[in-house]
Amino acid sequence: MRLWVCIVLLSVVLCARADRPAIIDAVVRAAHFVRDAAGGARDMYRAYQDMREANYIGADKYFHARGNYDAAQRGPGGEWAAKVIRWPFLLPHSDAREKWQSLSGRGHEDTQADQEANAWGRSGGNPNRYRPAGLPSRY
């Protein structure tokens, strides 16, 4: 008897899941997007923290590419987070970032190279393209 009750309940659950309204599907997709975006932001922050911890000259492009790559691999939400979050200090807009760098004395060429590394990582390119020789293997 218990077996039949379990089978009936499982059938009801499976049928209800298959026939759920479109609004529920939209909410589920939105929740997945938000989950991926939050995970992508964590990936970007972890790469930023690793860059600061490593404090290795010439490794910033590698960490840019790695953070964007890890975030984009999570899905559409992670890719969106990688596009929205900018370096350094995770400034929200690239124009603000460029202005900050121009005020701090960093050159336009460095900004261009950073953006190239960001785009490379977001597009699924291997971040090791930018990995400098001698960077510890834990990164």
N, C-alpha and C. Protein backbone atom coordinates (compact mmCIF):
# COMPACT_ATOMS: atom_id res chain seq x y z
N MET A 1 0.83 -1.19 0.00
CA MET A 1 0.00 0.00 0.00
C MET A 1 0.88 1.27 0.00
N ARG A 2 1.92 1.29 0.84
CA ARG A 2 2.79 2.45 0.89
C ARG A 2 3.48 2.70 -0.45
N LEU A 3 3.85 1.63 -1.10
CA LEU A 3 4.50 1.75 -2.40
C LEU A 3 3.57 2.46 -3.38
N TRP A 4 2.29 2.09 -3.39
CA TRP A 4 1.33 2.70 -4.31
C TRP A 4 1.12 4.18 -3.98
N VAL A 5 1.10 4.50 -2.70
CA VAL A 5 0.94 5.90 -2.30
C VAL A 5 2.15 6.71 -2.78
N CYS A 6 3.34 6.17 -2.63
CA CYS A 6 4.56 6.85 -3.10
C CYS A 6 4.53 7.04 -4.62
N ILE A 7 4.11 6.03 -5.33
CA ILE A 7 4.06 6.12 -6.79
C ILE A 7 3.04 7.19 -7.22
N VAL A 8 1.89 7.23 -6.59
CA VAL A 8 0.86 8.22 -6.92
C VAL A 8 1.37 9.62 -6.62
N LEU A 9 1.98 9.82 -5.46
CA LEU A 9 2.51 11.14 -5.11
C LEU A 9 3.61 11.58 -6.07
N LEU A 10 4.49 10.68 -6.43
CA LEU A 10 5.55 11.01 -7.39
C LEU A 10 4.97 11.38 -8.75
N SER A 11 3.94 10.65 -9.18
CA SER A 11 3.29 10.97 -10.45
C SER A 11 2.65 12.34 -10.42
N VAL A 12 2.00 12.68 -9.32
CA VAL A 12 1.36 13.99 -9.19
C VAL A 12 2.42 15.09 -9.24
N VAL A 13 3.53 14.90 -8.54
CA VAL A 13 4.59 15.90 -8.52
C VAL A 13 5.18 16.08 -9.91
N LEU A 14 5.45 14.99 -10.61
CA LEU A 14 6.03 15.08 -11.95
C LEU A 14 5.06 15.73 -12.93
N CYS A 15 3.79 15.40 -12.85
CA CYS A 15 2.80 16.02 -13.74
C CYS A 15 2.64 17.50 -13.44
N ALA A 16 2.63 17.85 -12.17
CA ALA A 16 2.49 19.26 -11.80
C ALA A 16 3.70 20.05 -12.28
N ARG A 17 4.86 19.46 -12.20
CA ARG A 17 6.07 20.15 -12.66
C ARG A 17 6.04 20.34 -14.17
N ALA A 18 5.55 19.38 -14.91
CA ALA A 18 5.54 19.46 -16.36
C ALA A 18 4.53 20.49 -16.86
N ASP A 19 3.47 20.72 -16.10
CA ASP A 19 2.40 21.61 -16.53
C ASP A 19 2.39 22.94 -15.81
N ARG A 20 3.52 23.35 -15.27
CA ARG A 20 3.51 24.61 -14.54
C ARG A 20 3.34 25.79 -15.49
N PRO A 21 2.75 26.86 -14.99
CA PRO A 21 2.50 28.03 -15.85
C PRO A 21 3.80 28.69 -16.31
N ALA A 22 3.69 29.44 -17.39
CA ALA A 22 4.86 30.11 -17.97
C ALA A 22 5.48 31.10 -17.00
N ILE A 23 4.68 31.70 -16.15
CA ILE A 23 5.22 32.68 -15.19
C ILE A 23 6.17 32.00 -14.21
N ILE A 24 5.88 30.78 -13.85
CA ILE A 24 6.75 30.04 -12.94
C ILE A 24 8.07 29.74 -13.64
N ASP A 25 8.01 29.36 -14.92
CA ASP A 25 9.24 29.13 -15.68
C ASP A 25 10.08 30.39 -15.76
N ALA A 26 9.42 31.54 -15.95
CA ALA A 26 10.14 32.82 -16.02
C ALA A 26 10.81 33.13 -14.69
N VAL A 27 10.12 32.87 -13.60
CA VAL A 27 10.69 33.12 -12.27
C VAL A 27 11.88 32.20 -12.03
N VAL A 28 11.77 30.95 -12.44
CA VAL A 28 12.88 30.01 -12.27
C VAL A 28 14.09 30.46 -13.09
N ARG A 29 13.86 30.88 -14.35
CA ARG A 29 14.96 31.37 -15.18
C ARG A 29 15.60 32.62 -14.57
N ALA A 30 14.77 33.50 -14.04
CA ALA A 30 15.31 34.72 -13.41
C ALA A 30 16.13 34.37 -12.18
N ALA A 31 15.67 33.40 -11.41
CA ALA A 31 16.42 32.99 -10.22
C ALA A 31 17.77 32.38 -10.62
N HIS A 32 17.80 31.62 -11.69
CA HIS A 32 19.07 31.05 -12.17
C HIS A 32 20.01 32.15 -12.64
N PHE A 33 19.45 33.17 -13.31
CA PHE A 33 20.26 34.29 -13.77
C PHE A 33 20.89 35.02 -12.58
N VAL A 34 20.07 35.28 -11.56
CA VAL A 34 20.57 35.98 -10.37
C VAL A 34 21.62 35.14 -9.67
N ARG A 35 21.39 33.83 -9.56
CA ARG A 35 22.37 32.94 -8.93
C ARG A 35 23.69 32.96 -9.70
N ASP A 36 23.62 32.89 -11.03
CA ASP A 36 24.83 32.93 -11.85
C ASP A 36 25.53 34.28 -11.73
N ALA A 37 24.76 35.37 -11.68
CA ALA A 37 25.35 36.70 -11.56
C ALA A 37 26.07 36.84 -10.22
N ALA A 38 25.46 36.36 -9.15
CA ALA A 38 26.12 36.43 -7.84
C ALA A 38 27.39 35.59 -7.83
N GLY A 39 27.33 34.40 -8.42
CA GLY A 39 28.53 33.56 -8.51
C GLY A 39 29.61 34.21 -9.36
N GLY A 40 29.20 34.86 -10.46
CA GLY A 40 30.17 35.56 -11.31
C GLY A 40 30.83 36.72 -10.57
N ALA A 41 30.05 37.43 -9.77
CA ALA A 41 30.62 38.53 -8.98
C ALA A 41 31.63 37.97 -7.97
N ARG A 42 31.31 36.83 -7.38
CA ARG A 42 32.27 36.19 -6.44
C ARG A 42 33.55 35.79 -7.17
N ASP A 43 33.39 35.25 -8.38
CA ASP A 43 34.57 34.87 -9.17
C ASP A 43 35.45 36.08 -9.46
N MET A 44 34.82 37.18 -9.84
CA MET A 44 35.57 38.40 -10.13
C MET A 44 36.28 38.91 -8.87
N TYR A 45 35.58 38.88 -7.75
CA TYR A 45 36.16 39.36 -6.50
C TYR A 45 37.32 38.46 -6.06
N ARG A 46 37.15 37.14 -6.23
CA ARG A 46 38.22 36.21 -5.86
C ARG A 46 39.47 36.46 -6.71
N ALA A 47 39.30 36.70 -8.00
CA ALA A 47 40.44 36.99 -8.86
C ALA A 47 41.11 38.30 -8.43
N TYR A 48 40.31 39.28 -8.07
CA TYR A 48 40.85 40.56 -7.60
C TYR A 48 41.65 40.37 -6.30
N GLN A 49 41.09 39.58 -5.37
CA GLN A 49 41.79 39.31 -4.11
C GLN A 49 43.09 38.55 -4.38
N ASP A 50 43.05 37.57 -5.27
CA ASP A 50 44.26 36.81 -5.61
C ASP A 50 45.32 37.72 -6.23
N MET A 51 44.89 38.67 -7.07
CA MET A 51 45.83 39.59 -7.68
C MET A 51 46.51 40.44 -6.61
N ARG A 52 45.72 40.91 -5.66
CA ARG A 52 46.30 41.73 -4.60
C ARG A 52 47.22 40.89 -3.71
N GLU A 53 46.84 39.66 -3.44
CA GLU A 53 47.66 38.78 -2.60
C GLU A 53 48.96 38.41 -3.29
N ALA A 54 48.87 38.08 -4.59
CA ALA A 54 50.06 37.67 -5.33
C ALA A 54 51.04 38.83 -5.44
N ASN A 55 50.54 40.03 -5.67
CA ASN A 55 51.38 41.23 -5.78
C ASN A 55 52.57 40.96 -6.70
N TYR A 56 52.25 40.41 -7.87
CA TYR A 56 53.27 39.98 -8.82
C TYR A 56 53.26 40.92 -10.02
N ILE A 57 54.38 41.52 -10.32
CA ILE A 57 54.46 42.49 -11.40
C ILE A 57 54.17 41.81 -12.73
N GLY A 58 53.27 42.41 -13.50
CA GLY A 58 52.92 41.90 -14.82
C GLY A 58 51.82 40.85 -14.83
N ALA A 59 51.24 40.55 -13.67
CA ALA A 59 50.23 39.50 -13.60
C ALA A 59 48.81 40.04 -13.66
N ASP A 60 48.63 41.35 -13.69
CA ASP A 60 47.28 41.89 -13.62
C ASP A 60 46.41 41.45 -14.80
N LYS A 61 46.96 41.35 -15.99
CA LYS A 61 46.18 40.93 -17.16
C LYS A 61 45.69 39.49 -16.99
N TYR A 62 46.55 38.65 -16.41
CA TYR A 62 46.14 37.26 -16.16
C TYR A 62 44.94 37.21 -15.22
N PHE A 63 44.97 37.99 -14.15
CA PHE A 63 43.87 37.97 -13.19
C PHE A 63 42.61 38.58 -13.79
N HIS A 64 42.75 39.58 -14.65
CA HIS A 64 41.60 40.13 -15.36
C HIS A 64 40.95 39.04 -16.20
N ALA A 65 41.77 38.36 -17.00
CA ALA A 65 41.25 37.31 -17.88
C ALA A 65 40.65 36.16 -17.07
N ARG A 66 41.30 35.76 -15.98
CA ARG A 66 40.81 34.65 -15.18
C ARG A 66 39.48 34.97 -14.52
N GLY A 67 39.36 36.15 -13.94
CA GLY A 67 38.10 36.53 -13.30
C GLY A 67 36.95 36.56 -14.28
N ASN A 68 37.18 37.14 -15.46
CA ASN A 68 36.14 37.21 -16.48
C ASN A 68 35.80 35.83 -17.02
N TYR A 69 36.82 34.99 -17.20
CA TYR A 69 36.60 33.63 -17.69
C TYR A 69 35.75 32.84 -16.71
N ASP A 70 36.15 32.85 -15.44
CA ASP A 70 35.41 32.09 -14.42
C ASP A 70 33.96 32.56 -14.32
N ALA A 71 33.76 33.87 -14.36
CA ALA A 71 32.40 34.41 -14.26
C ALA A 71 31.57 34.01 -15.48
N ALA A 72 32.13 34.13 -16.67
CA ALA A 72 31.38 33.83 -17.89
C ALA A 72 31.03 32.35 -18.01
N GLN A 73 31.84 31.49 -17.41
CA GLN A 73 31.57 30.05 -17.48
C GLN A 73 30.34 29.65 -16.68
N ARG A 74 29.86 30.51 -15.81
CA ARG A 74 28.68 30.20 -15.00
C ARG A 74 27.39 30.26 -15.79
N GLY A 75 27.39 30.97 -16.90
CA GLY A 75 26.17 31.09 -17.68
C GLY A 75 25.86 32.55 -17.98
N PRO A 76 24.65 32.83 -18.48
CA PRO A 76 24.31 34.20 -18.87
C PRO A 76 24.42 35.20 -17.72
N GLY A 77 24.04 34.82 -16.53
CA GLY A 77 24.15 35.74 -15.40
C GLY A 77 25.59 36.05 -15.05
N GLY A 78 26.45 35.06 -15.10
CA GLY A 78 27.86 35.27 -14.83
C GLY A 78 28.52 36.12 -15.91
N GLU A 79 28.11 35.89 -17.15
CA GLU A 79 28.65 36.70 -18.25
C GLU A 79 28.22 38.16 -18.09
N TRP A 80 26.97 38.36 -17.69
CA TRP A 80 26.48 39.72 -17.45
C TRP A 80 27.29 40.37 -16.33
N ALA A 81 27.54 39.65 -15.25
CA ALA A 81 28.32 40.20 -14.14
C ALA A 81 29.72 40.57 -14.60
N ALA A 82 30.32 39.74 -15.45
CA ALA A 82 31.67 40.02 -15.95
C ALA A 82 31.67 41.29 -16.80
N LYS A 83 30.60 41.55 -17.53
CA LYS A 83 30.54 42.76 -18.35
C LYS A 83 30.33 44.00 -17.50
N VAL A 84 29.54 43.87 -16.43
CA VAL A 84 29.18 45.03 -15.61
C VAL A 84 30.29 45.40 -14.65
N ILE A 85 30.93 44.42 -14.04
CA ILE A 85 31.96 44.70 -13.04
C ILE A 85 33.27 45.03 -13.73
N ARG A 86 33.89 46.12 -13.31
CA ARG A 86 35.14 46.58 -13.91
C ARG A 86 36.22 46.68 -12.86
N TRP A 87 37.45 46.65 -13.31
CA TRP A 87 38.60 46.78 -12.44
C TRP A 87 39.09 48.21 -12.50
N PRO A 88 39.89 48.73 -11.66
CA PRO A 88 40.17 48.23 -10.33
C PRO A 88 39.06 48.66 -9.38
N PHE A 89 39.09 48.14 -8.22
CA PHE A 89 38.11 48.42 -7.17
C PHE A 89 36.69 48.13 -7.63
N LEU A 90 36.57 47.32 -8.66
CA LEU A 90 35.27 46.87 -9.14
C LEU A 90 34.35 48.04 -9.47
N LEU A 91 34.91 49.05 -10.15
CA LEU A 91 34.11 50.20 -10.56
C LEU A 91 33.05 49.76 -11.56
N PRO A 92 31.83 50.29 -11.47
CA PRO A 92 30.73 49.78 -12.27
C PRO A 92 30.72 50.19 -13.73
N HIS A 93 31.51 51.14 -14.14
CA HIS A 93 31.43 51.59 -15.52
C HIS A 93 32.82 51.83 -16.08
N SER A 94 33.04 51.40 -17.30
CA SER A 94 34.38 51.49 -17.87
C SER A 94 34.83 52.94 -18.03
N ASP A 95 33.91 53.87 -18.31
CA ASP A 95 34.31 55.28 -18.43
C ASP A 95 34.84 55.81 -17.10
N ALA A 96 34.17 55.43 -16.01
CA ALA A 96 34.64 55.84 -14.69
C ALA A 96 36.01 55.24 -14.40
N ARG A 97 36.20 54.02 -14.83
CA ARG A 97 37.48 53.34 -14.62
C ARG A 97 38.59 54.06 -15.39
N GLU A 98 38.31 54.37 -16.66
CA GLU A 98 39.32 55.06 -17.46
C GLU A 98 39.64 56.43 -16.88
N LYS A 99 38.63 57.14 -16.40
CA LYS A 99 38.86 58.45 -15.80
C LYS A 99 39.75 58.30 -14.56
N TRP A 100 39.45 57.29 -13.72
CA TRP A 100 40.24 57.06 -12.52
C TRP A 100 41.69 56.78 -12.89
N GLN A 101 41.89 55.95 -13.92
CA GLN A 101 43.25 55.62 -14.31
C GLN A 101 43.98 56.83 -14.89
N SER A 102 43.27 57.67 -15.63
CA SER A 102 43.95 58.84 -16.18
C SER A 102 44.33 59.81 -15.07
N LEU A 103 43.50 59.90 -14.02
CA LEU A 103 43.83 60.77 -12.89
C LEU A 103 44.96 60.20 -12.05
N SER A 104 45.07 58.88 -12.01
CA SER A 104 46.10 58.25 -11.19
C SER A 104 47.44 58.15 -11.91
N GLY A 105 47.49 58.55 -13.17
CA GLY A 105 48.75 58.52 -13.90
C GLY A 105 48.97 57.27 -14.72
N ARG A 106 48.05 56.34 -14.68
CA ARG A 106 48.19 55.13 -15.50
C ARG A 106 47.81 55.45 -16.92
N GLY A 107 48.44 54.82 -17.86
CA GLY A 107 48.27 55.17 -19.26
C GLY A 107 47.07 54.54 -19.93
N HIS A 108 46.72 55.13 -21.04
CA HIS A 108 45.63 54.63 -21.87
C HIS A 108 45.95 53.23 -22.41
N GLU A 109 47.22 52.97 -22.70
CA GLU A 109 47.62 51.66 -23.24
C GLU A 109 47.33 50.55 -22.23
N ASP A 110 47.58 50.82 -20.96
CA ASP A 110 47.32 49.82 -19.92
C ASP A 110 45.82 49.54 -19.83
N THR A 111 45.02 50.59 -19.95
CA THR A 111 43.57 50.42 -19.92
C THR A 111 43.12 49.55 -21.09
N GLN A 112 43.65 49.81 -22.27
CA GLN A 112 43.30 49.03 -23.45
C GLN A 112 43.69 47.56 -23.26
N ALA A 113 44.88 47.33 -22.72
CA ALA A 113 45.35 45.96 -22.51
C ALA A 113 44.47 45.24 -21.48
N ASP A 114 44.06 45.96 -20.43
CA ASP A 114 43.16 45.37 -19.43
C ASP A 114 41.83 44.98 -20.07
N GLN A 115 41.28 45.87 -20.89
CA GLN A 115 40.00 45.58 -21.54
C GLN A 115 40.12 44.41 -22.52
N GLU A 116 41.26 44.31 -23.17
CA GLU A 116 41.49 43.17 -24.06
C GLU A 116 41.51 41.87 -23.27
N ALA A 117 42.18 41.87 -22.13
CA ALA A 117 42.23 40.68 -21.28
C ALA A 117 40.84 40.34 -20.75
N ASN A 118 40.06 41.35 -20.38
CA ASN A 118 38.69 41.12 -19.92
C ASN A 118 37.86 40.46 -21.02
N ALA A 119 37.93 41.01 -22.23
CA ALA A 119 37.16 40.46 -23.34
C ALA A 119 37.62 39.04 -23.68
N TRP A 120 38.92 38.80 -23.62
CA TRP A 120 39.46 37.47 -23.90
C TRP A 120 38.88 36.44 -22.92
N GLY A 121 38.90 36.77 -21.64
CA GLY A 121 38.37 35.86 -20.64
C GLY A 121 36.87 35.64 -20.80
N ARG A 122 36.13 36.71 -21.02
CA ARG A 122 34.67 36.61 -21.18
C ARG A 122 34.29 35.76 -22.38
N SER A 123 35.10 35.81 -23.44
CA SER A 123 34.77 35.06 -24.65
C SER A 123 35.16 33.58 -24.55
N GLY A 124 35.72 33.18 -23.42
CA GLY A 124 36.08 31.78 -23.23
C GLY A 124 37.52 31.46 -23.55
N GLY A 125 38.32 32.49 -23.81
CA GLY A 125 39.73 32.28 -24.09
C GLY A 125 40.48 31.83 -22.83
N ASN A 126 41.52 31.06 -23.03
CA ASN A 126 42.31 30.55 -21.91
C ASN A 126 43.05 31.69 -21.22
N PRO A 127 42.79 31.92 -19.91
CA PRO A 127 43.47 33.01 -19.20
C PRO A 127 44.98 32.85 -19.13
N ASN A 128 45.48 31.62 -19.30
CA ASN A 128 46.92 31.38 -19.22
C ASN A 128 47.69 32.08 -20.33
N ARG A 129 46.97 32.58 -21.32
CA ARG A 129 47.61 33.38 -22.38
C ARG A 129 48.33 34.58 -21.76
N TYR A 130 47.79 35.11 -20.68
CA TYR A 130 48.34 36.29 -20.02
C TYR A 130 49.16 35.96 -18.77
N ARG A 131 49.32 34.69 -18.48
CA ARG A 131 50.03 34.28 -17.25
C ARG A 131 51.53 34.56 -17.40
N PRO A 132 52.09 35.35 -16.49
CA PRO A 132 53.52 35.64 -16.58
C PRO A 132 54.34 34.46 -16.06
N ALA A 133 55.52 34.32 -16.58
CA ALA A 133 56.43 33.27 -16.10
C ALA A 133 56.82 33.57 -14.66
N GLY A 134 56.82 32.56 -13.85
CA GLY A 134 57.23 32.71 -12.47
C GLY A 134 56.10 32.97 -11.49
N LEU A 135 54.86 33.16 -11.98
CA LEU A 135 53.72 33.35 -11.07
C LEU A 135 53.50 32.03 -10.33
N PRO A 136 53.39 32.07 -9.01
CA PRO A 136 53.20 30.82 -8.24
C PRO A 136 52.03 29.99 -8.77
N SER A 137 52.15 28.68 -8.72
CA SER A 137 51.15 27.80 -9.31
C SER A 137 49.82 27.83 -8.58
N ARG A 138 49.77 28.33 -7.35
CA ARG A 138 48.49 28.36 -6.62
C ARG A 138 47.52 29.35 -7.24
N TYR A 139 48.01 30.22 -8.11
CA TYR A 139 47.13 31.18 -8.79
C TYR A 139 46.84 30.66 -10.17
